[in-house]
Amino acid sequence: MWTKSHSIQTNEVTKEQMWKLFADVNNWHNWDSGIEFAKLEGKFEKGNYFTLRPKGGPNVKVELVETNENHSFLDVTKFPLAKMYDSHTFEETKEGLKITNTISMKGILGFLWVKIVAQKIADTLQTDMQIQIKAASKL
């Protein structure tokens, strides 16, 4: 298994603002310049799916595996012979809100999908998280 993780501490947003940002999947394109669109029908809850199209890429079906409102969520994207997990956690600490994003790849062809997809996502985690905080602070 391959895993990359990044955490950041901030006093600029609350866990409720971060949750609201992510739960509004249909507006992700407004703050995530790496996607053309994301579409969720129904609620941001365990067992539901959304469709996401990365810029220049095909539509990808993503399943919400776990959702713990205002605290965390985990989604999975299935590739041929591999699965990519994307975990987001929001933890209140004395120093502020600790936000952690972890990308993991599992499966026989995981090494290939790391090269094609996951490493690019991991390389931008820090920058992406700053953008997410800025967007969430307006909610």
N, C-alpha and C. Protein backbone atom coordinates (compact mmCIF):
# COMPACT_ATOMS: atom_id res chain seq x y z
N MET A 1 0.84 -1.19 0.00
CA MET A 1 0.00 0.00 0.00
C MET A 1 0.88 1.25 0.00
N TRP A 2 0.45 2.25 -0.73
CA TRP A 2 1.13 3.54 -0.83
C TRP A 2 0.25 4.57 -0.12
N THR A 3 0.86 5.44 0.69
CA THR A 3 0.11 6.47 1.43
C THR A 3 0.91 7.75 1.51
N LYS A 4 0.21 8.87 1.32
CA LYS A 4 0.78 10.21 1.52
C LYS A 4 -0.24 11.02 2.31
N SER A 5 0.27 11.79 3.27
CA SER A 5 -0.63 12.54 4.13
C SER A 5 -0.05 13.94 4.39
N HIS A 6 -0.94 14.90 4.61
CA HIS A 6 -0.52 16.25 4.97
C HIS A 6 -1.51 16.80 5.99
N SER A 7 -0.98 17.47 7.00
CA SER A 7 -1.82 18.12 8.02
C SER A 7 -1.47 19.60 8.10
N ILE A 8 -2.45 20.38 8.51
CA ILE A 8 -2.26 21.81 8.67
C ILE A 8 -3.07 22.27 9.88
N GLN A 9 -2.54 23.21 10.63
CA GLN A 9 -3.25 23.81 11.77
C GLN A 9 -3.70 25.20 11.34
N THR A 10 -4.93 25.55 11.70
CA THR A 10 -5.44 26.86 11.32
C THR A 10 -6.45 27.38 12.35
N ASN A 11 -6.51 28.69 12.47
CA ASN A 11 -7.55 29.35 13.26
C ASN A 11 -8.48 30.14 12.35
N GLU A 12 -8.33 29.95 11.04
CA GLU A 12 -9.11 30.71 10.06
C GLU A 12 -10.50 30.14 9.81
N VAL A 13 -10.69 28.84 10.11
CA VAL A 13 -11.98 28.19 9.84
C VAL A 13 -12.34 27.24 10.97
N THR A 14 -13.62 26.88 10.99
CA THR A 14 -14.11 25.88 11.94
C THR A 14 -14.31 24.55 11.21
N LYS A 15 -14.47 23.50 11.99
CA LYS A 15 -14.73 22.19 11.38
C LYS A 15 -16.08 22.21 10.65
N GLU A 16 -17.01 23.01 11.16
CA GLU A 16 -18.31 23.13 10.49
C GLU A 16 -18.18 23.79 9.12
N GLN A 17 -17.32 24.80 9.00
CA GLN A 17 -17.11 25.44 7.71
C GLN A 17 -16.44 24.48 6.73
N MET A 18 -15.47 23.71 7.21
CA MET A 18 -14.79 22.75 6.32
C MET A 18 -15.77 21.68 5.87
N TRP A 19 -16.60 21.21 6.77
CA TRP A 19 -17.58 20.19 6.41
C TRP A 19 -18.55 20.75 5.36
N LYS A 20 -19.02 21.96 5.58
CA LYS A 20 -19.95 22.58 4.64
C LYS A 20 -19.31 22.71 3.25
N LEU A 21 -18.04 23.06 3.21
CA LEU A 21 -17.32 23.18 1.93
C LEU A 21 -17.32 21.85 1.18
N PHE A 22 -16.95 20.79 1.86
CA PHE A 22 -16.85 19.49 1.20
C PHE A 22 -18.21 18.86 0.92
N ALA A 23 -19.17 19.04 1.81
CA ALA A 23 -20.49 18.44 1.63
C ALA A 23 -21.22 19.04 0.42
N ASP A 24 -20.82 20.22 0.00
CA ASP A 24 -21.42 20.88 -1.17
C ASP A 24 -20.64 20.48 -2.43
N VAL A 25 -20.69 19.20 -2.74
CA VAL A 25 -19.90 18.62 -3.84
C VAL A 25 -20.13 19.34 -5.16
N ASN A 26 -21.38 19.71 -5.43
CA ASN A 26 -21.71 20.32 -6.73
C ASN A 26 -21.05 21.67 -6.96
N ASN A 27 -20.46 22.25 -5.91
CA ASN A 27 -19.77 23.53 -6.07
C ASN A 27 -18.26 23.42 -5.90
N TRP A 28 -17.72 22.22 -5.87
CA TRP A 28 -16.27 22.05 -5.73
C TRP A 28 -15.49 22.77 -6.83
N HIS A 29 -16.05 22.79 -8.03
CA HIS A 29 -15.35 23.43 -9.15
C HIS A 29 -15.10 24.92 -8.91
N ASN A 30 -15.86 25.53 -7.99
CA ASN A 30 -15.67 26.96 -7.69
C ASN A 30 -14.39 27.24 -6.93
N TRP A 31 -13.84 26.24 -6.24
CA TRP A 31 -12.60 26.46 -5.49
C TRP A 31 -11.49 25.48 -5.86
N ASP A 32 -11.82 24.41 -6.59
CA ASP A 32 -10.81 23.42 -7.00
C ASP A 32 -10.54 23.57 -8.50
N SER A 33 -9.44 24.22 -8.84
CA SER A 33 -9.12 24.48 -10.24
C SER A 33 -8.70 23.22 -10.99
N GLY A 34 -8.54 22.11 -10.30
CA GLY A 34 -8.12 20.87 -10.94
C GLY A 34 -9.27 20.03 -11.46
N ILE A 35 -10.50 20.48 -11.22
CA ILE A 35 -11.63 19.69 -11.72
C ILE A 35 -12.54 20.54 -12.60
N GLU A 36 -13.16 19.86 -13.56
CA GLU A 36 -14.14 20.53 -14.40
C GLU A 36 -15.48 20.62 -13.67
N PHE A 37 -15.86 19.51 -13.03
CA PHE A 37 -17.09 19.49 -12.24
C PHE A 37 -17.08 18.32 -11.28
N ALA A 38 -17.96 18.41 -10.30
CA ALA A 38 -18.27 17.30 -9.40
C ALA A 38 -19.77 17.35 -9.19
N LYS A 39 -20.41 16.19 -9.22
CA LYS A 39 -21.87 16.16 -9.12
C LYS A 39 -22.30 15.06 -8.16
N LEU A 40 -23.07 15.48 -7.16
CA LEU A 40 -23.64 14.57 -6.17
C LEU A 40 -25.15 14.70 -6.23
N GLU A 41 -25.82 13.58 -6.37
CA GLU A 41 -27.28 13.57 -6.27
C GLU A 41 -27.62 12.96 -4.92
N GLY A 42 -28.39 13.67 -4.14
CA GLY A 42 -28.71 13.18 -2.81
C GLY A 42 -27.79 13.80 -1.78
N LYS A 43 -27.70 13.13 -0.63
CA LYS A 43 -26.96 13.67 0.50
C LYS A 43 -25.50 13.23 0.52
N PHE A 44 -24.69 14.03 1.17
CA PHE A 44 -23.27 13.73 1.40
C PHE A 44 -23.23 12.76 2.58
N GLU A 45 -23.45 11.46 2.27
CA GLU A 45 -23.53 10.47 3.33
C GLU A 45 -22.99 9.12 2.86
N LYS A 46 -22.63 8.31 3.83
CA LYS A 46 -22.08 6.98 3.57
C LYS A 46 -22.95 6.21 2.59
N GLY A 47 -22.29 5.58 1.61
CA GLY A 47 -23.00 4.77 0.63
C GLY A 47 -23.40 5.51 -0.63
N ASN A 48 -23.35 6.84 -0.60
CA ASN A 48 -23.71 7.61 -1.79
C ASN A 48 -22.48 7.76 -2.68
N TYR A 49 -22.72 8.11 -3.92
CA TYR A 49 -21.65 8.29 -4.91
C TYR A 49 -21.72 9.69 -5.48
N PHE A 50 -20.58 10.18 -5.95
CA PHE A 50 -20.58 11.39 -6.76
C PHE A 50 -19.68 11.17 -7.96
N THR A 51 -19.90 11.97 -8.99
CA THR A 51 -19.09 11.90 -10.20
C THR A 51 -18.21 13.13 -10.24
N LEU A 52 -16.97 12.93 -10.58
CA LEU A 52 -16.00 14.01 -10.65
C LEU A 52 -15.24 13.90 -11.97
N ARG A 53 -15.01 15.03 -12.63
CA ARG A 53 -14.20 15.01 -13.84
C ARG A 53 -12.97 15.89 -13.63
N PRO A 54 -11.79 15.28 -13.51
CA PRO A 54 -10.56 16.07 -13.43
C PRO A 54 -10.34 16.80 -14.76
N LYS A 55 -9.72 17.96 -14.70
CA LYS A 55 -9.43 18.69 -15.95
C LYS A 55 -8.61 17.80 -16.87
N GLY A 56 -9.09 17.66 -18.10
CA GLY A 56 -8.39 16.85 -19.08
C GLY A 56 -8.53 15.36 -18.89
N GLY A 57 -9.39 14.95 -17.97
CA GLY A 57 -9.54 13.52 -17.68
C GLY A 57 -10.97 13.04 -17.87
N PRO A 58 -11.17 11.73 -17.69
CA PRO A 58 -12.51 11.15 -17.82
C PRO A 58 -13.31 11.31 -16.52
N ASN A 59 -14.60 11.11 -16.62
CA ASN A 59 -15.44 11.11 -15.42
C ASN A 59 -15.01 9.97 -14.50
N VAL A 60 -15.03 10.24 -13.20
CA VAL A 60 -14.63 9.25 -12.21
C VAL A 60 -15.77 9.13 -11.19
N LYS A 61 -16.15 7.89 -10.89
CA LYS A 61 -17.19 7.64 -9.88
C LYS A 61 -16.50 7.45 -8.53
N VAL A 62 -16.95 8.21 -7.53
CA VAL A 62 -16.34 8.19 -6.21
C VAL A 62 -17.42 7.82 -5.19
N GLU A 63 -17.11 6.83 -4.34
CA GLU A 63 -18.05 6.40 -3.32
C GLU A 63 -17.68 6.98 -1.95
N LEU A 64 -18.67 7.46 -1.23
CA LEU A 64 -18.47 7.91 0.15
C LEU A 64 -18.54 6.68 1.05
N VAL A 65 -17.40 6.29 1.59
CA VAL A 65 -17.29 5.08 2.40
C VAL A 65 -17.66 5.35 3.85
N GLU A 66 -17.25 6.52 4.36
CA GLU A 66 -17.56 6.92 5.73
C GLU A 66 -17.83 8.42 5.73
N THR A 67 -18.82 8.82 6.51
CA THR A 67 -19.05 10.26 6.74
C THR A 67 -19.40 10.44 8.22
N ASN A 68 -18.67 11.32 8.86
CA ASN A 68 -18.89 11.65 10.25
C ASN A 68 -18.99 13.17 10.31
N GLU A 69 -20.21 13.67 10.24
CA GLU A 69 -20.46 15.11 10.06
C GLU A 69 -19.60 15.98 10.96
N ASN A 70 -18.96 16.96 10.33
CA ASN A 70 -18.09 17.95 10.97
C ASN A 70 -16.79 17.38 11.52
N HIS A 71 -16.52 16.10 11.26
CA HIS A 71 -15.31 15.47 11.79
C HIS A 71 -14.44 14.80 10.72
N SER A 72 -15.07 14.00 9.85
CA SER A 72 -14.26 13.27 8.88
C SER A 72 -15.12 12.66 7.78
N PHE A 73 -14.45 12.37 6.67
CA PHE A 73 -15.08 11.54 5.64
C PHE A 73 -13.99 10.82 4.87
N LEU A 74 -14.39 9.69 4.31
CA LEU A 74 -13.50 8.84 3.53
C LEU A 74 -14.21 8.48 2.25
N ASP A 75 -13.52 8.65 1.13
CA ASP A 75 -14.09 8.21 -0.14
C ASP A 75 -13.13 7.28 -0.84
N VAL A 76 -13.66 6.53 -1.80
CA VAL A 76 -12.85 5.59 -2.56
C VAL A 76 -13.17 5.71 -4.04
N THR A 77 -12.12 5.67 -4.84
CA THR A 77 -12.23 5.65 -6.29
C THR A 77 -11.64 4.33 -6.75
N LYS A 78 -12.40 3.59 -7.56
CA LYS A 78 -11.95 2.29 -8.03
C LYS A 78 -11.34 2.42 -9.42
N PHE A 79 -10.14 1.85 -9.55
CA PHE A 79 -9.43 1.76 -10.82
C PHE A 79 -9.26 0.28 -11.13
N PRO A 80 -8.92 -0.08 -12.36
CA PRO A 80 -8.65 -1.50 -12.63
C PRO A 80 -7.56 -2.04 -11.70
N LEU A 81 -7.92 -3.03 -10.89
CA LEU A 81 -7.03 -3.72 -9.96
C LEU A 81 -6.38 -2.82 -8.90
N ALA A 82 -7.07 -1.72 -8.56
CA ALA A 82 -6.57 -0.84 -7.49
C ALA A 82 -7.72 0.04 -6.99
N LYS A 83 -7.56 0.52 -5.76
CA LYS A 83 -8.51 1.46 -5.16
C LYS A 83 -7.73 2.59 -4.52
N MET A 84 -8.21 3.82 -4.74
CA MET A 84 -7.60 4.99 -4.11
C MET A 84 -8.56 5.52 -3.05
N TYR A 85 -8.05 5.62 -1.83
CA TYR A 85 -8.82 6.15 -0.70
C TYR A 85 -8.36 7.58 -0.41
N ASP A 86 -9.33 8.44 -0.12
CA ASP A 86 -9.05 9.84 0.19
C ASP A 86 -9.74 10.16 1.51
N SER A 87 -8.95 10.37 2.55
CA SER A 87 -9.46 10.62 3.89
C SER A 87 -9.26 12.08 4.28
N HIS A 88 -10.29 12.68 4.83
CA HIS A 88 -10.24 14.06 5.33
C HIS A 88 -10.70 14.05 6.78
N THR A 89 -9.90 14.66 7.67
CA THR A 89 -10.31 14.77 9.08
C THR A 89 -10.17 16.21 9.54
N PHE A 90 -11.08 16.60 10.43
CA PHE A 90 -11.11 17.94 11.01
C PHE A 90 -11.14 17.77 12.53
N GLU A 91 -10.04 18.14 13.18
CA GLU A 91 -9.89 17.90 14.62
C GLU A 91 -9.59 19.20 15.35
N GLU A 92 -10.42 19.51 16.33
CA GLU A 92 -10.19 20.71 17.14
C GLU A 92 -9.07 20.44 18.13
N THR A 93 -8.10 21.36 18.19
CA THR A 93 -6.98 21.26 19.12
C THR A 93 -6.82 22.60 19.82
N LYS A 94 -5.93 22.65 20.80
CA LYS A 94 -5.65 23.92 21.49
C LYS A 94 -5.05 24.94 20.54
N GLU A 95 -4.33 24.47 19.53
CA GLU A 95 -3.67 25.37 18.57
C GLU A 95 -4.58 25.77 17.41
N GLY A 96 -5.79 25.24 17.37
CA GLY A 96 -6.70 25.53 16.28
C GLY A 96 -7.19 24.25 15.63
N LEU A 97 -7.80 24.39 14.48
CA LEU A 97 -8.33 23.24 13.77
C LEU A 97 -7.20 22.52 13.04
N LYS A 98 -7.07 21.23 13.29
CA LYS A 98 -6.08 20.42 12.58
C LYS A 98 -6.82 19.71 11.45
N ILE A 99 -6.40 20.00 10.23
CA ILE A 99 -7.00 19.40 9.03
C ILE A 99 -5.97 18.43 8.46
N THR A 100 -6.41 17.20 8.22
CA THR A 100 -5.52 16.19 7.66
C THR A 100 -6.17 15.57 6.43
N ASN A 101 -5.39 15.45 5.38
CA ASN A 101 -5.83 14.79 4.15
C ASN A 101 -4.83 13.68 3.84
N THR A 102 -5.32 12.47 3.71
CA THR A 102 -4.48 11.31 3.44
C THR A 102 -4.97 10.59 2.19
N ILE A 103 -4.06 10.35 1.26
CA ILE A 103 -4.34 9.61 0.03
C ILE A 103 -3.66 8.25 0.15
N SER A 104 -4.40 7.17 -0.11
CA SER A 104 -3.83 5.83 -0.06
C SER A 104 -4.23 5.06 -1.32
N MET A 105 -3.32 4.22 -1.79
CA MET A 105 -3.61 3.38 -2.95
C MET A 105 -3.35 1.94 -2.56
N LYS A 106 -4.32 1.07 -2.86
CA LYS A 106 -4.20 -0.35 -2.57
C LYS A 106 -4.52 -1.13 -3.84
N GLY A 107 -3.92 -2.30 -3.95
CA GLY A 107 -4.25 -3.19 -5.06
C GLY A 107 -3.03 -3.58 -5.88
N ILE A 108 -3.21 -4.62 -6.67
CA ILE A 108 -2.12 -5.18 -7.48
C ILE A 108 -1.50 -4.15 -8.42
N LEU A 109 -2.36 -3.33 -9.05
CA LEU A 109 -1.85 -2.30 -9.96
C LEU A 109 -1.77 -0.92 -9.29
N GLY A 110 -1.76 -0.92 -7.97
CA GLY A 110 -1.67 0.34 -7.25
C GLY A 110 -0.48 1.18 -7.66
N PHE A 111 0.67 0.53 -7.86
CA PHE A 111 1.88 1.26 -8.25
C PHE A 111 1.67 2.05 -9.54
N LEU A 112 0.92 1.48 -10.47
CA LEU A 112 0.66 2.15 -11.74
C LEU A 112 -0.25 3.36 -11.54
N TRP A 113 -1.32 3.17 -10.75
CA TRP A 113 -2.27 4.26 -10.52
C TRP A 113 -1.67 5.36 -9.65
N VAL A 114 -0.68 5.02 -8.83
CA VAL A 114 0.06 6.06 -8.10
C VAL A 114 0.74 6.97 -9.10
N LYS A 115 1.41 6.39 -10.08
CA LYS A 115 2.13 7.17 -11.10
C LYS A 115 1.18 8.00 -11.96
N ILE A 116 0.03 7.43 -12.30
CA ILE A 116 -0.90 8.09 -13.21
C ILE A 116 -1.75 9.15 -12.50
N VAL A 117 -2.18 8.85 -11.26
CA VAL A 117 -3.16 9.71 -10.59
C VAL A 117 -2.72 10.20 -9.21
N ALA A 118 -2.47 9.27 -8.31
CA ALA A 118 -2.34 9.59 -6.89
C ALA A 118 -1.17 10.50 -6.55
N GLN A 119 -0.02 10.30 -7.18
CA GLN A 119 1.15 11.13 -6.86
C GLN A 119 0.89 12.59 -7.19
N LYS A 120 0.17 12.84 -8.28
CA LYS A 120 -0.16 14.22 -8.66
C LYS A 120 -1.05 14.87 -7.60
N ILE A 121 -1.98 14.11 -7.07
CA ILE A 121 -2.86 14.62 -6.02
C ILE A 121 -2.03 14.90 -4.76
N ALA A 122 -1.19 13.93 -4.39
CA ALA A 122 -0.37 14.08 -3.19
C ALA A 122 0.57 15.27 -3.29
N ASP A 123 1.11 15.52 -4.47
CA ASP A 123 2.05 16.63 -4.66
C ASP A 123 1.42 18.00 -4.42
N THR A 124 0.10 18.09 -4.53
CA THR A 124 -0.57 19.38 -4.37
C THR A 124 -1.39 19.49 -3.08
N LEU A 125 -1.26 18.50 -2.18
CA LEU A 125 -2.06 18.52 -0.95
C LEU A 125 -1.91 19.82 -0.17
N GLN A 126 -0.70 20.26 0.06
CA GLN A 126 -0.47 21.45 0.87
C GLN A 126 -1.13 22.68 0.24
N THR A 127 -0.91 22.89 -1.03
CA THR A 127 -1.50 24.03 -1.74
C THR A 127 -3.02 23.92 -1.76
N ASP A 128 -3.51 22.71 -2.05
CA ASP A 128 -4.96 22.51 -2.12
C ASP A 128 -5.62 22.80 -0.78
N MET A 129 -4.98 22.40 0.31
CA MET A 129 -5.56 22.63 1.62
C MET A 129 -5.64 24.12 1.95
N GLN A 130 -4.65 24.89 1.53
CA GLN A 130 -4.69 26.34 1.74
C GLN A 130 -5.88 26.95 0.98
N ILE A 131 -6.11 26.48 -0.24
CA ILE A 131 -7.22 26.96 -1.05
C ILE A 131 -8.55 26.59 -0.40
N GLN A 132 -8.64 25.36 0.14
CA GLN A 132 -9.85 24.91 0.81
C GLN A 132 -10.14 25.77 2.05
N ILE A 133 -9.13 26.07 2.82
CA ILE A 133 -9.32 26.91 4.01
C ILE A 133 -9.83 28.30 3.60
N LYS A 134 -9.23 28.86 2.58
CA LYS A 134 -9.65 30.18 2.10
C LYS A 134 -11.11 30.16 1.65
N ALA A 135 -11.48 29.13 0.89
CA ALA A 135 -12.86 29.01 0.41
C ALA A 135 -13.83 28.79 1.57
N ALA A 136 -13.46 27.92 2.52
CA ALA A 136 -14.33 27.63 3.65
C ALA A 136 -14.51 28.84 4.57
N SER A 137 -13.51 29.70 4.64
CA SER A 137 -13.59 30.86 5.52
C SER A 137 -14.68 31.85 5.06
N LYS A 138 -15.14 31.71 3.83
CA LYS A 138 -16.18 32.60 3.29
C LYS A 138 -17.57 32.04 3.53
N LEU A 139 -17.65 30.83 4.09
CA LEU A 139 -18.96 30.20 4.30
C LEU A 139 -19.57 30.57 5.63
